[in-house]
C-alpha atoms as a PDB file:
ATOM      1  CA  UNK A   1      70.108  16.953 136.646  1.00  0.00           C
ATOM      2  CA  UNK A   2      69.502  19.745 139.038  1.00  0.00           C
ATOM      3  CA  UNK A   3      67.083  21.941 138.758  1.00  0.00           C
ATOM      4  CA  UNK A   4      66.495  25.251 141.774  1.00  0.00           C
ATOM      5  CA  UNK A   5      63.788  27.573 141.906  1.00  0.00           C
ATOM      6  CA  UNK A   6      66.708  30.369 141.066  1.00  0.00           C
ATOM      7  CA  UNK A   7      66.905  29.241 138.168  1.00  0.00           C
ATOM      8  CA  UNK A   8      64.983  31.614 135.056  1.00  0.00           C
ATOM      9  CA  UNK A   9      62.338  29.682 132.115  1.00  0.00           C
ATOM     10  CA  UNK A  10      64.434  31.392 130.038  1.00  0.00           C
ATOM     11  CA  UNK A  11      68.129  29.373 131.877  1.00  0.00           C
ATOM     12  CA  UNK A  12      65.695  25.995 131.640  1.00  0.00           C
ATOM     13  CA  UNK A  13      65.006  26.402 128.113  1.00  0.00           C
ATOM     14  CA  UNK A  14      68.053  26.613 127.260  1.00  0.00           C
ATOM     15  CA  UNK A  15      69.351  23.785 129.732  1.00  0.00           C
ATOM     16  CA  UNK A  16      66.704  21.205 128.831  1.00  0.00           C
ATOM     17  CA  UNK A  17      64.872  22.259 125.575  1.00  0.00           C
ATOM     18  CA  UNK A  18      62.520  18.751 126.967  1.00  0.00           C
ATOM     19  CA  UNK A  19      60.540  21.413 129.089  1.00  0.00           C
ATOM     20  CA  UNK A  20      59.506  22.915 127.012  1.00  0.00           C
ATOM     21  CA  UNK A  21      56.691  20.504 126.714  1.00  0.00           C
ATOM     22  CA  UNK A  22      56.132  20.245 130.260  1.00  0.00           C
ATOM     23  CA  UNK A  23      54.787  23.774 130.125  1.00  0.00           C
ATOM     24  CA  UNK A  24      53.020  23.998 127.064  1.00  0.00           C
ATOM     25  CA  UNK A  25      51.170  20.711 128.341  1.00  0.00           C
ATOM     26  CA  UNK A  26      50.171  22.165 131.328  1.00  0.00           C
ATOM     27  CA  UNK A  27      49.462  25.137 129.126  1.00  0.00           C
ATOM     28  CA  UNK A  28      51.250  27.824 130.956  1.00  0.00           C
ATOM     29  CA  UNK A  29      52.165  30.383 128.495  1.00  0.00           C
ATOM     30  CA  UNK A  30      55.845  30.120 129.973  1.00  0.00           C
ATOM     31  CA  UNK A  31      57.621  29.756 125.960  1.00  0.00           C
ATOM     32  CA  UNK A  32      57.864  32.553 124.482  1.00  0.00           C
ATOM     33  CA  UNK A  33      56.884  34.565 127.032  1.00  0.00           C
ATOM     34  CA  UNK A  34      58.739  37.788 127.218  1.00  0.00           C
ATOM     35  CA  UNK A  35      59.290  37.484 131.190  1.00  0.00           C
ATOM     36  CA  UNK A  36      60.591  34.007 130.598  1.00  0.00           C
ATOM     37  CA  UNK A  37      64.348  35.335 131.105  1.00  0.00           C
ATOM     38  CA  UNK A  38      63.457  37.093 134.153  1.00  0.00           C
ATOM     39  CA  UNK A  39      61.109  34.289 135.883  1.00  0.00           C
ATOM     40  CA  UNK A  40      61.828  31.995 138.148  1.00  0.00           C
ATOM     41  CA  UNK A  41      60.715  28.029 138.226  1.00  0.00           C
ATOM     42  CA  UNK A  42      59.966  29.322 141.746  1.00  0.00           C
ATOM     43  CA  UNK A  43      57.867  32.636 140.382  1.00  0.00           C
ATOM     44  CA  UNK A  44      56.000  29.865 138.013  1.00  0.00           C
ATOM     45  CA  UNK A  45      55.480  27.482 140.806  1.00  0.00           C
ATOM     46  CA  UNK A  46      53.675  29.914 142.796  1.00  0.00           C
ATOM     47  CA  UNK A  47      51.941  32.248 140.143  1.00  0.00           C
ATOM     48  CA  UNK A  48      50.355  28.286 139.061  1.00  0.00           C
ATOM     49  CA  UNK A  49      49.351  27.564 142.212  1.00  0.00           C
ATOM     50  CA  UNK A  50      52.284  24.549 142.586  1.00  0.00           C
ATOM     51  CA  UNK A  51      54.381  23.773 146.390  1.00  0.00           C
ATOM     52  CA  UNK A  52      58.196  24.578 144.333  1.00  0.00           C
ATOM     53  CA  UNK A  53      59.071  21.246 145.897  1.00  0.00           C
ATOM     54  CA  UNK A  54      56.243  19.288 143.581  1.00  0.00           C
ATOM     55  CA  UNK A  55      56.924  21.786 140.297  1.00  0.00           C
ATOM     56  CA  UNK A  56      60.068  21.395 140.351  1.00  0.00           C
ATOM     57  CA  UNK A  57      60.043  17.405 141.400  1.00  0.00           C
ATOM     58  CA  UNK A  58      57.202  17.277 138.306  1.00  0.00           C
ATOM     59  CA  UNK A  59      59.263  18.812 135.617  1.00  0.00           C
ATOM     60  CA  UNK A  60      62.691  17.731 136.825  1.00  0.00           C
ATOM     61  CA  UNK A  61      60.472  13.906 135.367  1.00  0.00           C
ATOM     62  CA  UNK A  62      59.296  15.259 132.455  1.00  0.00           C
ATOM     63  CA  UNK A  63      62.686  16.174 131.235  1.00  0.00           C
ATOM     64  CA  UNK A  64      64.521  12.368 132.976  1.00  0.00           C
ATOM     65  CA  UNK A  65      61.401  11.377 130.608  1.00  0.00           C
ATOM     66  CA  UNK A  66      62.184  13.605 126.997  1.00  0.00           C
ATOM     67  CA  UNK A  67      65.709  12.925 127.757  1.00  0.00           C
ATOM     68  CA  UNK A  68      65.318   8.948 127.960  1.00  0.00           C
ATOM     69  CA  UNK A  69      63.233   9.168 125.047  1.00  0.00           C
ATOM     70  CA  UNK A  70      66.019  10.731 122.852  1.00  0.00           C
ATOM     71  CA  UNK A  71      68.506   8.639 123.666  1.00  0.00           C
ATOM     72  CA  UNK A  72      66.303   6.020 122.141  1.00  0.00           C
ATOM     73  CA  UNK A  73      65.464   7.216 119.701  1.00  0.00           C
ATOM     74  CA  UNK A  74      69.302   7.954 118.731  1.00  0.00           C
ATOM     75  CA  UNK A  75      70.216   4.276 118.848  1.00  0.00           C
ATOM     76  CA  UNK A  76      67.294   3.132 116.137  1.00  0.00           C
ATOM     77  CA  UNK A  77      64.380   3.231 118.218  1.00  0.00           C
ATOM     78  CA  UNK A  78      60.328   4.177 117.558  1.00  0.00           C
END
């Protein structure tokens, strides 16, 4: 899984549904916003005051964590 600053929020949420929790937990209004189809992750990082590198790293970690939890659930855990 590789995230890039040029990806739109909409594309990110389609590819990685677990990213929704990342945006919601940080009180970012990206999920359901009419501009999610146009705003890139670089736009969001800038608007929210993050460096792009930090934002992508944190988002990627949240997605990986969510994916690991889902795989655990699928194997009968939790």
